[in-house]
Amino acid sequence: AAIAAIASAAAVAAAFESGAIDMCHIAPLIGVDGVAGAWDVPGPAVGETGRPGLVPQPPRSRRFSLGSDVGGNNGRSVSWMGWDFFATVRPSTGLAAMDLRFKGKR
C-alpha cells in the first residue's frame, strides 16, 4: 500500500482511531528474568558458561618502589611500572606529582 503524507499529529491520531493505519505487531522480548522488555538477553548468566573464568594472580614482586631524592626527602620519589615522579602533599595544593618521567623521558 502507498504511504500518504500526513499533515499533523492530529491527523495521525484521527487515522489511528479510525483504523486507517496498519499496525505492526511484534512479540515483546522476554528477558531471562521473565519480564517483557527486559534488558537482559537470553543465554547463560555471567560465570555460567561452563568455561573457567580468569583467576586473579598477585604480582610476584612489588610493582613500585619509594626512595629519596637528592635533597633527602625520603619516600617522596616514586617509581611505578616505568613511571618515575616526585610526590608531595601540601594543604594549599593537595597531592602533586612533579618531574614526571616514563622510562626515563620527560
Protein backbone atom coordinates (compact mmCIF):
# COMPACT_ATOMS: atom_id res chain seq x y z
CA ALA A 1 0.00 0.00 0.00
CA ALA A 2 1.15 3.51 -0.72
CA ILE A 3 2.09 5.70 2.20
CA ALA A 4 0.24 9.00 2.19
CA ALA A 5 1.70 12.13 3.74
CA ILE A 6 0.02 13.10 7.00
CA ALA A 7 -0.06 16.82 7.71
CA SER A 8 -0.22 16.90 11.51
CA ALA A 9 -0.15 14.90 14.72
CA ALA A 10 -3.91 15.35 14.97
CA ALA A 11 -4.30 13.73 11.52
CA VAL A 12 -2.15 10.76 12.69
CA ALA A 13 -4.32 10.37 15.81
CA ALA A 14 -7.52 10.51 13.73
CA ALA A 15 -6.17 7.94 11.24
CA PHE A 16 -5.18 5.65 14.11
CA GLU A 17 -8.58 5.94 15.77
CA SER A 18 -10.40 5.19 12.50
CA GLY A 19 -8.23 2.09 11.85
CA ALA A 20 -6.72 3.54 8.67
CA ILE A 21 -3.18 2.89 9.92
CA ASP A 22 -1.97 -0.70 9.63
CA MET A 23 -0.39 -1.83 12.89
CA CYS A 24 2.75 -3.90 13.07
CA HIS A 25 2.51 -6.37 15.95
CA ILE A 26 5.79 -7.64 17.35
CA ALA A 27 6.01 -10.07 20.24
CA PRO A 28 7.86 -8.45 23.17
CA LEU A 29 11.28 -9.79 24.12
CA ILE A 30 11.03 -11.76 27.33
CA GLY A 31 14.23 -11.37 29.36
CA VAL A 32 15.95 -14.04 31.45
CA ASP A 33 14.05 -12.77 34.48
CA GLY A 34 10.71 -13.42 32.72
CA VAL A 35 9.86 -9.73 32.32
CA ALA A 36 8.79 -8.39 28.93
CA GLY A 37 11.12 -5.73 27.62
CA ALA A 38 13.97 -6.67 29.94
CA TRP A 39 17.48 -5.53 29.08
CA ASP A 40 18.98 -8.97 29.55
CA VAL A 41 19.26 -11.16 26.50
CA PRO A 42 18.51 -14.86 26.83
CA GLY A 43 21.55 -17.01 27.49
CA PRO A 44 23.65 -18.30 30.32
CA ALA A 45 24.24 -15.94 33.20
CA VAL A 46 27.67 -14.44 33.64
CA GLY A 47 30.01 -17.08 35.00
CA GLU A 48 27.74 -19.96 33.98
CA THR A 49 29.18 -20.60 30.52
CA GLY A 50 30.94 -23.81 31.53
CA ARG A 51 34.31 -22.21 30.82
CA PRO A 52 36.66 -21.36 33.66
CA GLY A 53 37.00 -17.65 34.34
CA LEU A 54 40.17 -15.70 34.93
CA VAL A 55 41.83 -16.27 38.26
CA PRO A 56 43.49 -13.14 39.68
CA GLN A 57 47.17 -13.64 40.32
CA PRO A 58 49.06 -11.46 42.77
CA PRO A 59 52.21 -9.86 41.38
CA ARG A 60 55.37 -11.84 42.02
CA SER A 61 57.01 -8.74 43.47
CA ARG A 62 56.12 -5.16 44.34
CA ARG A 63 55.47 -3.06 41.27
CA PHE A 64 56.59 0.16 42.89
CA SER A 65 59.45 1.50 44.93
CA LEU A 66 59.79 4.51 47.19
CA GLY A 67 63.06 6.27 47.55
CA SER A 68 64.65 9.57 48.40
CA ASP A 69 65.54 12.34 46.02
CA VAL A 70 68.84 14.20 46.04
CA GLY A 71 67.57 16.55 48.78
CA GLY A 72 66.88 13.68 51.18
CA ASN A 73 63.06 13.78 51.09
CA ASN A 74 62.60 10.13 51.98
CA GLY A 75 59.72 8.27 50.40
CA ARG A 76 58.64 11.04 48.05
CA SER A 77 60.41 9.68 44.99
CA VAL A 78 58.15 7.06 43.39
CA SER A 79 58.94 4.50 40.69
CA TRP A 80 55.99 2.54 39.34
CA MET A 81 55.79 0.36 36.22
CA GLY A 82 58.14 2.54 34.15
CA TRP A 83 56.98 5.83 35.67
CA ASP A 84 59.19 7.95 37.93
CA PHE A 85 57.95 11.05 39.74
CA PHE A 86 58.32 13.09 42.89
CA ALA A 87 55.16 13.33 45.02
CA THR A 88 54.24 15.86 47.64
CA VAL A 89 51.15 16.80 49.62
CA ARG A 90 50.52 20.39 50.64
CA PRO A 91 47.49 21.94 52.35
CA SER A 92 47.25 24.60 49.65
CA THR A 93 47.51 22.33 46.57
CA GLY A 94 46.81 18.80 47.78
CA LEU A 95 48.58 15.91 46.12
CA ALA A 96 51.07 16.96 43.45
CA ALA A 97 53.26 14.87 41.17
CA MET A 98 56.33 16.62 39.79
CA ASP A 99 59.18 15.74 37.44
CA LEU A 100 57.17 13.04 35.71
CA ARG A 101 59.13 10.64 33.53
CA PHE A 102 58.20 7.50 31.64
CA LYS A 103 61.08 5.13 31.01
CA GLY A 104 63.49 7.97 31.76
CA LYS A 105 61.97 10.52 29.35
CA ARG A 106 60.06 13.63 30.38
